[in-house]
Amino acid sequence: MNKMVLAAVATMALAGCGTQMGDRIASGAAIGGGVGLAAGGVGVVPGAIVGAAVGAFTPPENVNLGDPVWDDE
């Protein structure tokens, strides 16, 4: 059960990332804040700051999840 929840959360988190810098900053801050909230209430702000920084400094070309599983050619 825990693996299914983790897979669903990871899929939702990665689906929320955009290709524009503003989108990546906002989604990174939201994901980081959510992780900080899950770890403990005090971690929300630091998590959001770290998530926004990672979103700002990671270009979309560096995130390669490979070929989709439905594209088996």
PDB file of N, CA and C in Angstrom:
ATOM      1  N   MET A   1       0.827  -1.196   0.000  1.00  0.00           N
ATOM      2  CA  MET A   1       0.000   0.000   0.000  1.00  0.00           C
ATOM      3  C   MET A   1       0.867   1.253   0.000  1.00  0.00           C
ATOM      4  N   ASN A   2       1.935   1.248   0.809  1.00  0.00           N
ATOM      5  CA  ASN A   2       2.788   2.429   0.881  1.00  0.00           C
ATOM      6  C   ASN A   2       3.472   2.716  -0.445  1.00  0.00           C
ATOM      7  N   LYS A   3       3.851   1.660  -1.181  1.00  0.00           N
ATOM      8  CA  LYS A   3       4.493   1.858  -2.486  1.00  0.00           C
ATOM      9  C   LYS A   3       3.523   2.491  -3.470  1.00  0.00           C
ATOM     10  N   MET A   4       2.259   2.120  -3.405  1.00  0.00           N
ATOM     11  CA  MET A   4       1.257   2.701  -4.295  1.00  0.00           C
ATOM     12  C   MET A   4       1.048   4.176  -3.988  1.00  0.00           C
ATOM     13  N   VAL A   5       1.005   4.505  -2.720  1.00  0.00           N
ATOM     14  CA  VAL A   5       0.836   5.904  -2.329  1.00  0.00           C
ATOM     15  C   VAL A   5       2.052   6.719  -2.753  1.00  0.00           C
ATOM     16  N   LEU A   6       3.244   6.181  -2.543  1.00  0.00           N
ATOM     17  CA  LEU A   6       4.458   6.874  -2.944  1.00  0.00           C
ATOM     18  C   LEU A   6       4.507   7.070  -4.453  1.00  0.00           C
ATOM     19  N   ALA A   7       4.144   6.060  -5.218  1.00  0.00           N
ATOM     20  CA  ALA A   7       4.128   6.181  -6.675  1.00  0.00           C
ATOM     21  C   ALA A   7       3.113   7.219  -7.133  1.00  0.00           C
ATOM     22  N   ALA A   8       1.954   7.246  -6.514  1.00  0.00           N
ATOM     23  CA  ALA A   8       0.929   8.225  -6.884  1.00  0.00           C
ATOM     24  C   ALA A   8       1.380   9.638  -6.550  1.00  0.00           C
ATOM     25  N   VAL A   9       1.994   9.829  -5.395  1.00  0.00           N
ATOM     26  CA  VAL A   9       2.470  11.154  -5.008  1.00  0.00           C
ATOM     27  C   VAL A   9       3.587  11.615  -5.938  1.00  0.00           C
ATOM     28  N   ALA A  10       4.519  10.715  -6.270  1.00  0.00           N
ATOM     29  CA  ALA A  10       5.616  11.081  -7.173  1.00  0.00           C
ATOM     30  C   ALA A  10       5.082  11.437  -8.554  1.00  0.00           C
ATOM     31  N   THR A  11       4.100  10.699  -9.034  1.00  0.00           N
ATOM     32  CA  THR A  11       3.514  10.991 -10.343  1.00  0.00           C
ATOM     33  C   THR A  11       2.816  12.335 -10.337  1.00  0.00           C
ATOM     34  N   MET A  12       2.067  12.620  -9.295  1.00  0.00           N
ATOM     35  CA  MET A  12       1.363  13.904  -9.212  1.00  0.00           C
ATOM     36  C   MET A  12       2.352  15.055  -9.094  1.00  0.00           C
ATOM     37  N   ALA A  13       3.421  14.854  -8.337  1.00  0.00           N
ATOM     38  CA  ALA A  13       4.412  15.914  -8.169  1.00  0.00           C
ATOM     39  C   ALA A  13       5.119  16.217  -9.470  1.00  0.00           C
ATOM     40  N   LEU A  14       5.498  15.193 -10.207  1.00  0.00           N
ATOM     41  CA  LEU A  14       6.183  15.419 -11.475  1.00  0.00           C
ATOM     42  C   LEU A  14       5.239  15.960 -12.540  1.00  0.00           C
ATOM     43  N   ALA A  15       3.983  15.601 -12.483  1.00  0.00           N
ATOM     44  CA  ALA A  15       3.026  16.106 -13.455  1.00  0.00           C
ATOM     45  C   ALA A  15       2.765  17.594 -13.258  1.00  0.00           C
ATOM     46  N   GLY A  16       2.976  18.086 -12.048  1.00  0.00           N
ATOM     47  CA  GLY A  16       2.734  19.491 -11.772  1.00  0.00           C
ATOM     48  C   GLY A  16       3.844  20.408 -12.245  1.00  0.00           C
ATOM     49  N   CYS A  17       4.986  19.870 -12.614  1.00  0.00           N
ATOM     50  CA  CYS A  17       6.105  20.701 -13.051  1.00  0.00           C
ATOM     51  C   CYS A  17       5.875  21.174 -14.475  1.00  0.00           C
ATOM     52  N   GLY A  18       6.156  22.432 -14.724  1.00  0.00           N
ATOM     53  CA  GLY A  18       5.989  22.994 -16.054  1.00  0.00           C
ATOM     54  C   GLY A  18       7.312  23.180 -16.765  1.00  0.00           C
ATOM     55  N   THR A  19       7.247  23.799 -17.927  1.00  0.00           N
ATOM     56  CA  THR A  19       8.471  24.050 -18.682  1.00  0.00           C
ATOM     57  C   THR A  19       8.932  25.495 -18.546  1.00  0.00           C
ATOM     58  N   GLN A  20       8.055  26.399 -18.158  1.00  0.00           N
ATOM     59  CA  GLN A  20       8.436  27.797 -17.948  1.00  0.00           C
ATOM     60  C   GLN A  20       9.026  27.954 -16.548  1.00  0.00           C
ATOM     61  N   MET A  21       9.960  28.892 -16.405  1.00  0.00           N
ATOM     62  CA  MET A  21      10.638  29.045 -15.117  1.00  0.00           C
ATOM     63  C   MET A  21       9.654  29.370 -13.992  1.00  0.00           C
ATOM     64  N   GLY A  22       8.707  30.231 -14.243  1.00  0.00           N
ATOM     65  CA  GLY A  22       7.725  30.581 -13.212  1.00  0.00           C
ATOM     66  C   GLY A  22       6.905  29.385 -12.763  1.00  0.00           C
ATOM     67  N   ASP A  23       6.546  28.530 -13.718  1.00  0.00           N
ATOM     68  CA  ASP A  23       5.797  27.314 -13.376  1.00  0.00           C
ATOM     69  C   ASP A  23       6.633  26.387 -12.513  1.00  0.00           C
ATOM     70  N   ARG A  24       7.907  26.230 -12.869  1.00  0.00           N
ATOM     71  CA  ARG A  24       8.781  25.341 -12.103  1.00  0.00           C
ATOM     72  C   ARG A  24       9.038  25.884 -10.706  1.00  0.00           C
ATOM     73  N   ILE A  25       9.165  27.204 -10.586  1.00  0.00           N
ATOM     74  CA  ILE A  25       9.364  27.793  -9.255  1.00  0.00           C
ATOM     75  C   ILE A  25       8.133  27.569  -8.384  1.00  0.00           C
ATOM     76  N   ALA A  26       6.955  27.826  -8.954  1.00  0.00           N
ATOM     77  CA  ALA A  26       5.722  27.676  -8.179  1.00  0.00           C
ATOM     78  C   ALA A  26       5.476  26.216  -7.795  1.00  0.00           C
ATOM     79  N   SER A  27       5.662  25.298  -8.755  1.00  0.00           N
ATOM     80  CA  SER A  27       5.421  23.893  -8.428  1.00  0.00           C
ATOM     81  C   SER A  27       6.491  23.360  -7.475  1.00  0.00           C
ATOM     82  N   GLY A  28       7.733  23.823  -7.631  1.00  0.00           N
ATOM     83  CA  GLY A  28       8.786  23.412  -6.703  1.00  0.00           C
ATOM     84  C   GLY A  28       8.506  23.883  -5.292  1.00  0.00           C
ATOM     85  N   ALA A  29       8.023  25.120  -5.167  1.00  0.00           N
ATOM     86  CA  ALA A  29       7.685  25.640  -3.839  1.00  0.00           C
ATOM     87  C   ALA A  29       6.520  24.870  -3.226  1.00  0.00           C
ATOM     88  N   ALA A  30       5.533  24.531  -4.039  1.00  0.00           N
ATOM     89  CA  ALA A  30       4.388  23.780  -3.528  1.00  0.00           C
ATOM     90  C   ALA A  30       4.787  22.366  -3.111  1.00  0.00           C
ATOM     91  N   ILE A  31       5.598  21.717  -3.945  1.00  0.00           N
ATOM     92  CA  ILE A  31       6.038  20.357  -3.608  1.00  0.00           C
ATOM     93  C   ILE A  31       6.918  20.379  -2.366  1.00  0.00           C
ATOM     94  N   GLY A  32       7.858  21.324  -2.300  1.00  0.00           N
ATOM     95  CA  GLY A  32       8.731  21.435  -1.124  1.00  0.00           C
ATOM     96  C   GLY A  32       7.962  21.760   0.138  1.00  0.00           C
ATOM     97  N   GLY A  33       6.983  22.645   0.012  1.00  0.00           N
ATOM     98  CA  GLY A  33       6.148  22.965   1.171  1.00  0.00           C
ATOM     99  C   GLY A  33       5.332  21.776   1.634  1.00  0.00           C
ATOM    100  N   GLY A  34       4.834  20.978   0.668  1.00  0.00           N
ATOM    101  CA  GLY A  34       4.079  19.780   1.024  1.00  0.00           C
ATOM    102  C   GLY A  34       4.939  18.740   1.722  1.00  0.00           C
ATOM    103  N   VAL A  35       6.166  18.584   1.224  1.00  0.00           N
ATOM    104  CA  VAL A  35       7.079  17.639   1.872  1.00  0.00           C
ATOM    105  C   VAL A  35       7.432  18.136   3.271  1.00  0.00           C
ATOM    106  N   GLY A  36       7.652  19.451   3.393  1.00  0.00           N
ATOM    107  CA  GLY A  36       7.941  20.015   4.711  1.00  0.00           C
ATOM    108  C   GLY A  36       6.782  19.860   5.670  1.00  0.00           C
ATOM    109  N   LEU A  37       5.570  19.973   5.164  1.00  0.00           N
ATOM    110  CA  LEU A  37       4.387  19.788   6.002  1.00  0.00           C
ATOM    111  C   LEU A  37       4.262  18.337   6.446  1.00  0.00           C
ATOM    112  N   ALA A  38       4.558  17.414   5.540  1.00  0.00           N
ATOM    113  CA  ALA A  38       4.486  16.000   5.896  1.00  0.00           C
ATOM    114  C   ALA A  38       5.564  15.627   6.909  1.00  0.00           C
ATOM    115  N   ALA A  39       6.741  16.281   6.814  1.00  0.00           N
ATOM    116  CA  ALA A  39       7.841  15.980   7.736  1.00  0.00           C
ATOM    117  C   ALA A  39       7.616  16.612   9.104  1.00  0.00           C
ATOM    118  N   GLY A  40       6.916  17.705   9.134  1.00  0.00           N
ATOM    119  CA  GLY A  40       6.654  18.414  10.383  1.00  0.00           C
ATOM    120  C   GLY A  40       6.296  19.847  10.049  1.00  0.00           C
ATOM    121  N   GLY A  41       5.423  20.450  10.805  1.00  0.00           N
ATOM    122  CA  GLY A  41       4.918  21.778  10.499  1.00  0.00           C
ATOM    123  C   GLY A  41       5.978  22.850  10.342  1.00  0.00           C
ATOM    124  N   VAL A  42       7.097  22.702  11.035  1.00  0.00           N
ATOM    125  CA  VAL A  42       8.153  23.712  10.982  1.00  0.00           C
ATOM    126  C   VAL A  42       8.864  23.676   9.632  1.00  0.00           C
ATOM    127  N   GLY A  43       8.818  22.559   8.914  1.00  0.00           N
ATOM    128  CA  GLY A  43       9.551  22.408   7.661  1.00  0.00           C
ATOM    129  C   GLY A  43       8.875  22.972   6.440  1.00  0.00           C
ATOM    130  N   VAL A  44       7.714  23.595   6.586  1.00  0.00           N
ATOM    131  CA  VAL A  44       6.977  24.096   5.426  1.00  0.00           C
ATOM    132  C   VAL A  44       7.750  25.205   4.724  1.00  0.00           C
ATOM    133  N   VAL A  45       8.167  26.217   5.449  1.00  0.00           N
ATOM    134  CA  VAL A  45       8.849  27.363   4.832  1.00  0.00           C
ATOM    135  C   VAL A  45      10.205  26.967   4.259  1.00  0.00           C
ATOM    136  N   PRO A  46      11.062  26.267   5.015  1.00  0.00           N
ATOM    137  CA  PRO A  46      12.327  25.847   4.393  1.00  0.00           C
ATOM    138  C   PRO A  46      12.116  24.919   3.204  1.00  0.00           C
ATOM    139  N   GLY A  47      11.143  24.041   3.277  1.00  0.00           N
ATOM    140  CA  GLY A  47      10.857  23.153   2.153  1.00  0.00           C
ATOM    141  C   GLY A  47      10.415  23.922   0.921  1.00  0.00           C
ATOM    142  N   ALA A  48       9.582  24.942   1.128  1.00  0.00           N
ATOM    143  CA  ALA A  48       9.124  25.764   0.004  1.00  0.00           C
ATOM    144  C   ALA A  48      10.280  26.550  -0.607  1.00  0.00           C
ATOM    145  N   ILE A  49      11.167  27.058   0.226  1.00  0.00           N
ATOM    146  CA  ILE A  49      12.314  27.817  -0.285  1.00  0.00           C
ATOM    147  C   ILE A  49      13.240  26.911  -1.088  1.00  0.00           C
ATOM    148  N   VAL A  50      13.546  25.747  -0.553  1.00  0.00           N
ATOM    149  CA  VAL A  50      14.425  24.806  -1.270  1.00  0.00           C
ATOM    150  C   VAL A  50      13.745  24.328  -2.554  1.00  0.00           C
ATOM    151  N   GLY A  51      12.470  24.022  -2.499  1.00  0.00           N
ATOM    152  CA  GLY A  51      11.747  23.584  -3.695  1.00  0.00           C
ATOM    153  C   GLY A  51      11.713  24.650  -4.772  1.00  0.00           C
ATOM    154  N   ALA A  52      11.506  25.905  -4.385  1.00  0.00           N
ATOM    155  CA  ALA A  52      11.505  26.992  -5.356  1.00  0.00           C
ATOM    156  C   ALA A  52      12.886  27.171  -5.973  1.00  0.00           C
ATOM    157  N   ALA A  53      13.928  27.039  -5.166  1.00  0.00           N
ATOM    158  CA  ALA A  53      15.293  27.183  -5.694  1.00  0.00           C
ATOM    159  C   ALA A  53      15.613  26.055  -6.673  1.00  0.00           C
ATOM    160  N   VAL A  54      15.224  24.843  -6.328  1.00  0.00           N
ATOM    161  CA  VAL A  54      15.468  23.713  -7.233  1.00  0.00           C
ATOM    162  C   VAL A  54      14.689  23.908  -8.532  1.00  0.00           C
ATOM    163  N   GLY A  55      13.459  24.369  -8.442  1.00  0.00           N
ATOM    164  CA  GLY A  55      12.674  24.622  -9.641  1.00  0.00           C
ATOM    165  C   GLY A  55      13.245  25.729 -10.493  1.00  0.00           C
ATOM    166  N   ALA A  56      13.828  26.725  -9.855  1.00  0.00           N
ATOM    167  CA  ALA A  56      14.384  27.852 -10.601  1.00  0.00           C
ATOM    168  C   ALA A  56      15.679  27.487 -11.314  1.00  0.00           C
ATOM    169  N   PHE A  57      16.490  26.658 -10.695  1.00  0.00           N
ATOM    170  CA  PHE A  57      17.821  26.388 -11.241  1.00  0.00           C
ATOM    171  C   PHE A  57      17.928  25.070 -11.998  1.00  0.00           C
ATOM    172  N   THR A  58      16.827  24.344 -12.149  1.00  0.00           N
ATOM    173  CA  THR A  58      16.849  23.098 -12.908  1.00  0.00           C
ATOM    174  C   THR A  58      16.108  23.312 -14.221  1.00  0.00           C
ATOM    175  N   PRO A  59      16.836  23.335 -15.332  1.00  0.00           N
ATOM    176  CA  PRO A  59      16.151  23.487 -16.620  1.00  0.00           C
ATOM    177  C   PRO A  59      15.366  22.226 -16.969  1.00  0.00           C
ATOM    178  N   PRO A  60      14.297  22.365 -17.735  1.00  0.00           N
ATOM    179  CA  PRO A  60      13.468  21.195 -18.039  1.00  0.00           C
ATOM    180  C   PRO A  60      14.223  20.119 -18.824  1.00  0.00           C
ATOM    181  N   GLU A  61      15.300  20.483 -19.517  1.00  0.00           N
ATOM    182  CA  GLU A  61      16.069  19.483 -20.266  1.00  0.00           C
ATOM    183  C   GLU A  61      16.764  18.487 -19.339  1.00  0.00           C
ATOM    184  N   ASN A  62      17.026  18.879 -18.102  1.00  0.00           N
ATOM    185  CA  ASN A  62      17.738  18.007 -17.168  1.00  0.00           C
ATOM    186  C   ASN A  62      16.845  16.965 -16.518  1.00  0.00           C
ATOM    187  N   VAL A  63      15.549  17.099 -16.677  1.00  0.00           N
ATOM    188  CA  VAL A  63      14.618  16.134 -16.095  1.00  0.00           C
ATOM    189  C   VAL A  63      14.202  15.178 -17.210  1.00  0.00           C
ATOM    190  N   ASN A  64      14.814  13.992 -17.230  1.00  0.00           N
ATOM    191  CA  ASN A  64      14.531  13.008 -18.260  1.00  0.00           C
ATOM    192  C   ASN A  64      14.063  11.733 -17.584  1.00  0.00           C
ATOM    193  N   LEU A  65      12.811  11.421 -17.746  1.00  0.00           N
ATOM    194  CA  LEU A  65      12.249  10.222 -17.134  1.00  0.00           C
ATOM    195  C   LEU A  65      12.260   9.042 -18.088  1.00  0.00           C
ATOM    196  N   GLY A  66      12.864   9.212 -19.261  1.00  0.00           N
ATOM    197  CA  GLY A  66      12.932   8.127 -20.237  1.00  0.00           C
ATOM    198  C   GLY A  66      11.696   8.077 -21.107  1.00  0.00           C
ATOM    199  N   ASP A  67      11.658   7.052 -21.932  1.00  0.00           N
ATOM    200  CA  ASP A  67      10.510   6.876 -22.825  1.00  0.00           C
ATOM    201  C   ASP A  67       9.289   6.464 -22.024  1.00  0.00           C
ATOM    202  N   PRO A  68       8.103   6.920 -22.444  1.00  0.00           N
ATOM    203  CA  PRO A  68       6.885   6.494 -21.760  1.00  0.00           C
ATOM    204  C   PRO A  68       6.681   4.980 -21.892  1.00  0.00           C
ATOM    205  N   VAL A  69       6.062   4.388 -20.899  1.00  0.00           N
ATOM    206  CA  VAL A  69       5.869   2.939 -20.913  1.00  0.00           C
ATOM    207  C   VAL A  69       4.897   2.518 -22.011  1.00  0.00           C
ATOM    208  N   TRP A  70       4.038   3.408 -22.466  1.00  0.00           N
ATOM    209  CA  TRP A  70       3.079   3.066 -23.505  1.00  0.00           C
ATOM    210  C   TRP A  70       3.672   3.214 -24.899  1.00  0.00           C
ATOM    211  N   ASP A  71       4.907   3.693 -24.997  1.00  0.00           N
ATOM    212  CA  ASP A  71       5.541   3.912 -26.295  1.00  0.00           C
ATOM    213  C   ASP A  71       6.607   2.849 -26.532  1.00  0.00           C
ATOM    214  N   ASP A  72       6.187   1.593 -26.631  1.00  0.00           N
ATOM    215  CA  ASP A  72       7.103   0.463 -26.812  1.00  0.00           C
ATOM    216  C   ASP A  72       7.270   0.155 -28.303  1.00  0.00           C
ATOM    217  N   GLU A  73       8.059   0.954 -28.976  1.00  0.00           N
ATOM    218  CA  GLU A  73       8.284   0.715 -30.402  1.00  0.00           C
ATOM    219  C   GLU A  73       9.658   0.215 -30.639  1.00  0.00           C
TER     220      GLU A  73
END
